[in-house]
C-alpha cells in the first residue's frame, strides 16, 4: 500500500490522449448522414457485416 506524500499538491489530470484538440463541424446533420449510411451498398465497397454470435450447442449441460 502506498503512502501519500505530504507537502505535494495533487496532480491535475491530463486531457484526452491524442493530437487533436478540436474537430471540424459536420457539413450536414447527423440524421442525414445516418440515413445515407443506412441505404448505402456497403458490400460494393468491400465492407463486411459483423459475424453472428455462435449458436448454443444442443445437448450441452450448462447446469455444471
PDB file of N, CA and C in Angstrom:
ATOM      1  N   UNK A   1       0.845  -1.176   0.000  1.00  0.00           N
ATOM      2  CA  UNK A   1       0.000   0.000   0.000  1.00  0.00           C
ATOM      3  C   UNK A   1       0.887   1.234   0.000  1.00  0.00           C
ATOM      4  N   UNK A   2       0.599   2.176  -0.860  1.00  0.00           N
ATOM      5  CA  UNK A   2       1.412   3.383  -0.955  1.00  0.00           C
ATOM      6  C   UNK A   2       0.941   4.411   0.060  1.00  0.00           C
ATOM      7  N   UNK A   3       1.884   5.135   0.576  1.00  0.00           N
ATOM      8  CA  UNK A   3       1.559   6.226   1.475  1.00  0.00           C
ATOM      9  C   UNK A   3       1.484   7.515   0.665  1.00  0.00           C
ATOM     10  N   UNK A   4       0.602   8.403   1.079  1.00  0.00           N
ATOM     11  CA  UNK A   4       0.508   9.703   0.407  1.00  0.00           C
ATOM     12  C   UNK A   4       1.712  10.545   0.805  1.00  0.00           C
ATOM     13  N   UNK A   5       2.288  11.194  -0.164  1.00  0.00           N
ATOM     14  CA  UNK A   5       3.414  12.073   0.119  1.00  0.00           C
ATOM     15  C   UNK A   5       2.877  13.393   0.656  1.00  0.00           C
ATOM     16  N   UNK A   6       3.441  13.824   1.721  1.00  0.00           N
ATOM     17  CA  UNK A   6       2.976  15.062   2.339  1.00  0.00           C
ATOM     18  C   UNK A   6       3.672  16.254   1.689  1.00  0.00           C
ATOM     19  N   UNK A   7       2.967  17.366   1.630  1.00  0.00           N
ATOM     20  CA  UNK A   7       3.565  18.581   1.121  1.00  0.00           C
ATOM     21  C   UNK A   7       3.432  18.768  -0.379  1.00  0.00           C
ATOM     22  N   UNK A   8       2.946  17.773  -1.108  1.00  0.00           N
ATOM     23  CA  UNK A   8       2.779  17.904  -2.556  1.00  0.00           C
ATOM     24  C   UNK A   8       1.307  18.118  -2.876  1.00  0.00           C
ATOM     25  N   UNK A   9       1.077  18.983  -3.828  1.00  0.00           N
ATOM     26  CA  UNK A   9      -0.291  19.219  -4.280  1.00  0.00           C
ATOM     27  C   UNK A   9      -0.727  18.068  -5.175  1.00  0.00           C
ATOM     28  N   UNK A  10      -2.017  17.759  -5.181  1.00  0.00           N
ATOM     29  CA  UNK A  10      -2.480  16.677  -6.075  1.00  0.00           C
ATOM     30  C   UNK A  10      -2.263  17.061  -7.530  1.00  0.00           C
ATOM     31  N   UNK A  11      -1.923  16.077  -8.352  1.00  0.00           N
ATOM     32  CA  UNK A  11      -1.661  16.343  -9.771  1.00  0.00           C
ATOM     33  C   UNK A  11      -2.963  16.548 -10.517  1.00  0.00           C
ATOM     34  N   UNK A  12      -2.898  17.417 -11.489  1.00  0.00           N
ATOM     35  CA  UNK A  12      -4.043  17.638 -12.365  1.00  0.00           C
ATOM     36  C   UNK A  12      -4.086  16.521 -13.399  1.00  0.00           C
ATOM     37  N   UNK A  13      -5.287  16.063 -13.743  1.00  0.00           N
ATOM     38  CA  UNK A  13      -5.423  15.027 -14.753  1.00  0.00           C
ATOM     39  C   UNK A  13      -5.125  15.582 -16.133  1.00  0.00           C
ATOM     40  N   UNK A  14      -4.547  14.773 -16.960  1.00  0.00           N
ATOM     41  CA  UNK A  14      -4.263  15.189 -18.328  1.00  0.00           C
ATOM     42  C   UNK A  14      -5.537  15.094 -19.144  1.00  0.00           C
ATOM     43  N   UNK A  15      -5.573  15.810 -20.224  1.00  0.00           N
ATOM     44  CA  UNK A  15      -6.704  15.771 -21.134  1.00  0.00           C
ATOM     45  C   UNK A  15      -6.699  14.467 -21.915  1.00  0.00           C
ATOM     46  N   UNK A  16      -7.622  14.333 -22.846  1.00  0.00           N
ATOM     47  CA  UNK A  16      -7.657  13.100 -23.643  1.00  0.00           C
ATOM     48  C   UNK A  16      -6.381  12.943 -24.455  1.00  0.00           C
ATOM     49  N   UNK A  17      -5.941  11.698 -24.582  1.00  0.00           N
ATOM     50  CA  UNK A  17      -4.736  11.419 -25.353  1.00  0.00           C
ATOM     51  C   UNK A  17      -4.950  11.687 -26.822  1.00  0.00           C
ATOM     52  N   UNK A  18      -3.913  12.004 -27.515  1.00  0.00           N
ATOM     53  CA  UNK A  18      -4.032  12.250 -28.944  1.00  0.00           C
ATOM     54  C   UNK A  18      -3.586  13.655 -29.297  1.00  0.00           C
ATOM     55  N   UNK A  19      -3.536  13.905 -30.578  1.00  0.00           N
ATOM     56  CA  UNK A  19      -3.026  15.179 -31.062  1.00  0.00           C
ATOM     57  C   UNK A  19      -4.122  16.208 -31.285  1.00  0.00           C
ATOM     58  N   UNK A  20      -5.364  15.771 -31.378  1.00  0.00           N
ATOM     59  CA  UNK A  20      -6.413  16.653 -31.830  1.00  0.00           C
ATOM     60  C   UNK A  20      -7.194  17.233 -30.659  1.00  0.00           C
ATOM     61  N   UNK A  21      -7.247  18.546 -30.582  1.00  0.00           N
ATOM     62  CA  UNK A  21      -7.998  19.201 -29.523  1.00  0.00           C
ATOM     63  C   UNK A  21      -9.288  19.807 -30.053  1.00  0.00           C
ATOM     64  N   UNK A  22      -9.433  19.896 -31.363  1.00  0.00           N
ATOM     65  CA  UNK A  22     -10.632  20.431 -31.988  1.00  0.00           C
ATOM     66  C   UNK A  22     -11.035  19.519 -33.137  1.00  0.00           C
ATOM     67  N   UNK A  23     -12.248  19.681 -33.611  1.00  0.00           N
ATOM     68  CA  UNK A  23     -12.676  18.925 -34.775  1.00  0.00           C
ATOM     69  C   UNK A  23     -13.431  19.840 -35.722  1.00  0.00           C
ATOM     70  N   UNK A  24     -13.518  19.451 -36.971  1.00  0.00           N
ATOM     71  CA  UNK A  24     -14.229  20.219 -37.979  1.00  0.00           C
ATOM     72  C   UNK A  24     -15.717  19.897 -37.864  1.00  0.00           C
ATOM     73  N   UNK A  25     -16.573  20.903 -37.804  1.00  0.00           N
ATOM     74  CA  UNK A  25     -18.010  20.636 -37.722  1.00  0.00           C
ATOM     75  C   UNK A  25     -18.501  19.901 -38.966  1.00  0.00           C
ATOM     76  N   UNK A  26     -19.558  19.130 -38.810  1.00  0.00           N
ATOM     77  CA  UNK A  26     -20.134  18.391 -39.932  1.00  0.00           C
ATOM     78  C   UNK A  26     -20.811  19.358 -40.892  1.00  0.00           C
ATOM     79  N   UNK A  27     -20.814  19.021 -42.178  1.00  0.00           N
ATOM     80  CA  UNK A  27     -21.411  19.893 -43.182  1.00  0.00           C
ATOM     81  C   UNK A  27     -22.907  19.628 -43.359  1.00  0.00           C
ATOM     82  N   UNK A  28     -23.399  18.522 -42.791  1.00  0.00           N
ATOM     83  CA  UNK A  28     -24.831  18.229 -42.830  1.00  0.00           C
ATOM     84  C   UNK A  28     -25.231  17.616 -41.499  1.00  0.00           C
ATOM     85  N   UNK A  29     -26.509  17.483 -41.258  1.00  0.00           N
ATOM     86  CA  UNK A  29     -26.977  16.979 -39.966  1.00  0.00           C
ATOM     87  C   UNK A  29     -26.638  15.494 -39.800  1.00  0.00           C
ATOM     88  N   UNK A  30     -26.519  15.085 -38.571  1.00  0.00           N
ATOM     89  CA  UNK A  30     -26.236  13.672 -38.277  1.00  0.00           C
ATOM     90  C   UNK A  30     -27.341  12.768 -38.811  1.00  0.00           C
ATOM     91  N   UNK A  31     -28.579  13.243 -38.753  1.00  0.00           N
ATOM     92  CA  UNK A  31     -29.704  12.440 -39.244  1.00  0.00           C
ATOM     93  C   UNK A  31     -29.543  12.124 -40.728  1.00  0.00           C
ATOM     94  N   UNK A  32     -29.132  13.125 -41.521  1.00  0.00           N
ATOM     95  CA  UNK A  32     -28.935  12.899 -42.959  1.00  0.00           C
ATOM     96  C   UNK A  32     -27.783  11.939 -43.209  1.00  0.00           C
ATOM     97  N   UNK A  33     -26.722  12.071 -42.435  1.00  0.00           N
ATOM     98  CA  UNK A  33     -25.572  11.175 -42.600  1.00  0.00           C
ATOM     99  C   UNK A  33     -25.964   9.748 -42.274  1.00  0.00           C
ATOM    100  N   UNK A  34     -26.673   9.548 -41.162  1.00  0.00           N
ATOM    101  CA  UNK A  34     -27.083   8.199 -40.774  1.00  0.00           C
ATOM    102  C   UNK A  34     -28.077   7.610 -41.763  1.00  0.00           C
ATOM    103  N   UNK A  35     -28.969   8.440 -42.320  1.00  0.00           N
ATOM    104  CA  UNK A  35     -29.911   7.954 -43.327  1.00  0.00           C
ATOM    105  C   UNK A  35     -29.173   7.507 -44.581  1.00  0.00           C
ATOM    106  N   UNK A  36     -28.144   8.250 -44.980  1.00  0.00           N
ATOM    107  CA  UNK A  36     -27.363   7.891 -46.163  1.00  0.00           C
ATOM    108  C   UNK A  36     -26.588   6.592 -45.937  1.00  0.00           C
ATOM    109  N   UNK A  37     -26.060   6.442 -44.748  1.00  0.00           N
ATOM    110  CA  UNK A  37     -25.312   5.219 -44.417  1.00  0.00           C
ATOM    111  C   UNK A  37     -26.233   4.007 -44.444  1.00  0.00           C
ATOM    112  N   UNK A  38     -27.458   4.174 -43.960  1.00  0.00           N
ATOM    113  CA  UNK A  38     -28.367   3.030 -43.869  1.00  0.00           C
ATOM    114  C   UNK A  38     -28.763   2.485 -45.233  1.00  0.00           C
ATOM    115  N   UNK A  39     -28.739   3.315 -46.273  1.00  0.00           N
ATOM    116  CA  UNK A  39     -29.125   2.841 -47.607  1.00  0.00           C
ATOM    117  C   UNK A  39     -27.919   2.559 -48.497  1.00  0.00           C
ATOM    118  N   UNK A  40     -26.725   2.772 -47.990  1.00  0.00           N
ATOM    119  CA  UNK A  40     -25.520   2.583 -48.804  1.00  0.00           C
ATOM    120  C   UNK A  40     -25.305   1.102 -49.102  1.00  0.00           C
ATOM    121  N   UNK A  41     -24.773   0.842 -50.250  1.00  0.00           N
ATOM    122  CA  UNK A  41     -24.434  -0.525 -50.648  1.00  0.00           C
ATOM    123  C   UNK A  41     -23.025  -0.831 -50.129  1.00  0.00           C
ATOM    124  N   UNK A  42     -22.937  -1.283 -48.902  1.00  0.00           N
ATOM    125  CA  UNK A  42     -21.640  -1.491 -48.269  1.00  0.00           C
ATOM    126  C   UNK A  42     -20.884  -2.678 -48.856  1.00  0.00           C
ATOM    127  N   UNK A  43     -21.610  -3.651 -49.370  1.00  0.00           N
ATOM    128  CA  UNK A  43     -20.931  -4.806 -49.964  1.00  0.00           C
ATOM    129  C   UNK A  43     -20.166  -4.418 -51.217  1.00  0.00           C
ATOM    130  N   UNK A  44     -20.640  -3.419 -51.928  1.00  0.00           N
ATOM    131  CA  UNK A  44     -19.984  -2.977 -53.153  1.00  0.00           C
ATOM    132  C   UNK A  44     -18.607  -2.378 -52.890  1.00  0.00           C
ATOM    133  N   UNK A  45     -18.419  -1.813 -51.701  1.00  0.00           N
ATOM    134  CA  UNK A  45     -17.136  -1.184 -51.382  1.00  0.00           C
ATOM    135  C   UNK A  45     -16.269  -2.070 -50.497  1.00  0.00           C
ATOM    136  N   UNK A  46     -16.704  -3.301 -50.246  1.00  0.00           N
ATOM    137  CA  UNK A  46     -15.872  -4.255 -49.522  1.00  0.00           C
ATOM    138  C   UNK A  46     -16.068  -4.283 -48.017  1.00  0.00           C
ATOM    139  N   UNK A  47     -17.126  -3.652 -47.502  1.00  0.00           N
ATOM    140  CA  UNK A  47     -17.380  -3.683 -46.062  1.00  0.00           C
ATOM    141  C   UNK A  47     -18.232  -4.909 -45.767  1.00  0.00           C
ATOM    142  N   UNK A  48     -17.766  -5.730 -44.828  1.00  0.00           N
ATOM    143  CA  UNK A  48     -18.489  -6.946 -44.472  1.00  0.00           C
ATOM    144  C   UNK A  48     -19.327  -6.718 -43.217  1.00  0.00           C
ATOM    145  N   UNK A  49     -20.455  -7.382 -43.144  1.00  0.00           N
ATOM    146  CA  UNK A  49     -21.311  -7.321 -41.962  1.00  0.00           C
ATOM    147  C   UNK A  49     -20.643  -8.103 -40.836  1.00  0.00           C
ATOM    148  N   UNK A  50     -20.894  -7.733 -39.588  1.00  0.00           N
ATOM    149  CA  UNK A  50     -20.296  -8.479 -38.483  1.00  0.00           C
ATOM    150  C   UNK A  50     -20.842  -9.900 -38.426  1.00  0.00           C
ATOM    151  N   UNK A  51     -20.012 -10.801 -37.928  1.00  0.00           N
ATOM    152  CA  UNK A  51     -20.427 -12.195 -37.820  1.00  0.00           C
ATOM    153  C   UNK A  51     -21.466 -12.353 -36.724  1.00  0.00           C
ATOM    154  N   UNK A  52     -22.381 -13.277 -36.926  1.00  0.00           N
ATOM    155  CA  UNK A  52     -23.397 -13.574 -35.919  1.00  0.00           C
ATOM    156  C   UNK A  52     -22.732 -14.306 -34.750  1.00  0.00           C
ATOM    157  N   UNK A  53     -23.241 -14.108 -33.544  1.00  0.00           N
ATOM    158  CA  UNK A  53     -22.657 -14.815 -32.402  1.00  0.00           C
ATOM    159  C   UNK A  53     -22.878 -16.316 -32.548  1.00  0.00           C
ATOM    160  N   UNK A  54     -21.981 -17.121 -32.006  1.00  0.00           N
ATOM    161  CA  UNK A  54     -22.132 -18.576 -32.134  1.00  0.00           C
ATOM    162  C   UNK A  54     -23.405 -19.057 -31.442  1.00  0.00           C
ATOM    163  N   UNK A  55     -24.049 -20.011 -32.060  1.00  0.00           N
ATOM    164  CA  UNK A  55     -25.274 -20.569 -31.513  1.00  0.00           C
ATOM    165  C   UNK A  55     -24.943 -21.566 -30.397  1.00  0.00           C
ATOM    166  N   UNK A  56     -25.884 -21.691 -29.458  1.00  0.00           N
ATOM    167  CA  UNK A  56     -25.668 -22.663 -28.369  1.00  0.00           C
ATOM    168  C   UNK A  56     -25.766 -24.072 -28.942  1.00  0.00           C
ATOM    169  N   UNK A  57     -24.897 -24.936 -28.456  1.00  0.00           N
ATOM    170  CA  UNK A  57     -24.899 -26.319 -28.910  1.00  0.00           C
ATOM    171  C   UNK A  57     -26.001 -27.069 -28.174  1.00  0.00           C
ATOM    172  N   UNK A  58     -26.765 -27.854 -28.935  1.00  0.00           N
ATOM    173  CA  UNK A  58     -27.834 -28.651 -28.314  1.00  0.00           C
ATOM    174  C   UNK A  58     -27.229 -29.836 -27.613  1.00  0.00           C
ATOM    175  N   UNK A  59     -27.825 -30.179 -26.489  1.00  0.00           N
ATOM    176  CA  UNK A  59     -27.367 -31.348 -25.749  1.00  0.00           C
ATOM    177  C   UNK A  59     -26.238 -31.039 -24.772  1.00  0.00           C
ATOM    178  N   UNK A  60     -25.859 -29.784 -24.619  1.00  0.00           N
ATOM    179  CA  UNK A  60     -24.791 -29.434 -23.696  1.00  0.00           C
ATOM    180  C   UNK A  60     -25.408 -29.082 -22.363  1.00  0.00           C
ATOM    181  N   UNK A  61     -24.918 -29.722 -21.311  1.00  0.00           N
ATOM    182  CA  UNK A  61     -25.428 -29.492 -19.968  1.00  0.00           C
ATOM    183  C   UNK A  61     -24.767 -28.262 -19.372  1.00  0.00           C
ATOM    184  N   UNK A  62     -25.545 -27.200 -19.182  1.00  0.00           N
ATOM    185  CA  UNK A  62     -24.980 -25.956 -18.649  1.00  0.00           C
ATOM    186  C   UNK A  62     -25.210 -25.806 -17.149  1.00  0.00           C
ATOM    187  N   UNK A  63     -25.713 -26.835 -16.509  1.00  0.00           N
ATOM    188  CA  UNK A  63     -26.003 -26.744 -15.090  1.00  0.00           C
ATOM    189  C   UNK A  63     -24.760 -26.983 -14.231  1.00  0.00           C
ATOM    190  N   UNK A  64     -23.688 -27.378 -14.842  1.00  0.00           N
ATOM    191  CA  UNK A  64     -22.474 -27.655 -14.077  1.00  0.00           C
ATOM    192  C   UNK A  64     -21.602 -26.444 -13.993  1.00  0.00           C
TER     193      UNK A  64
END
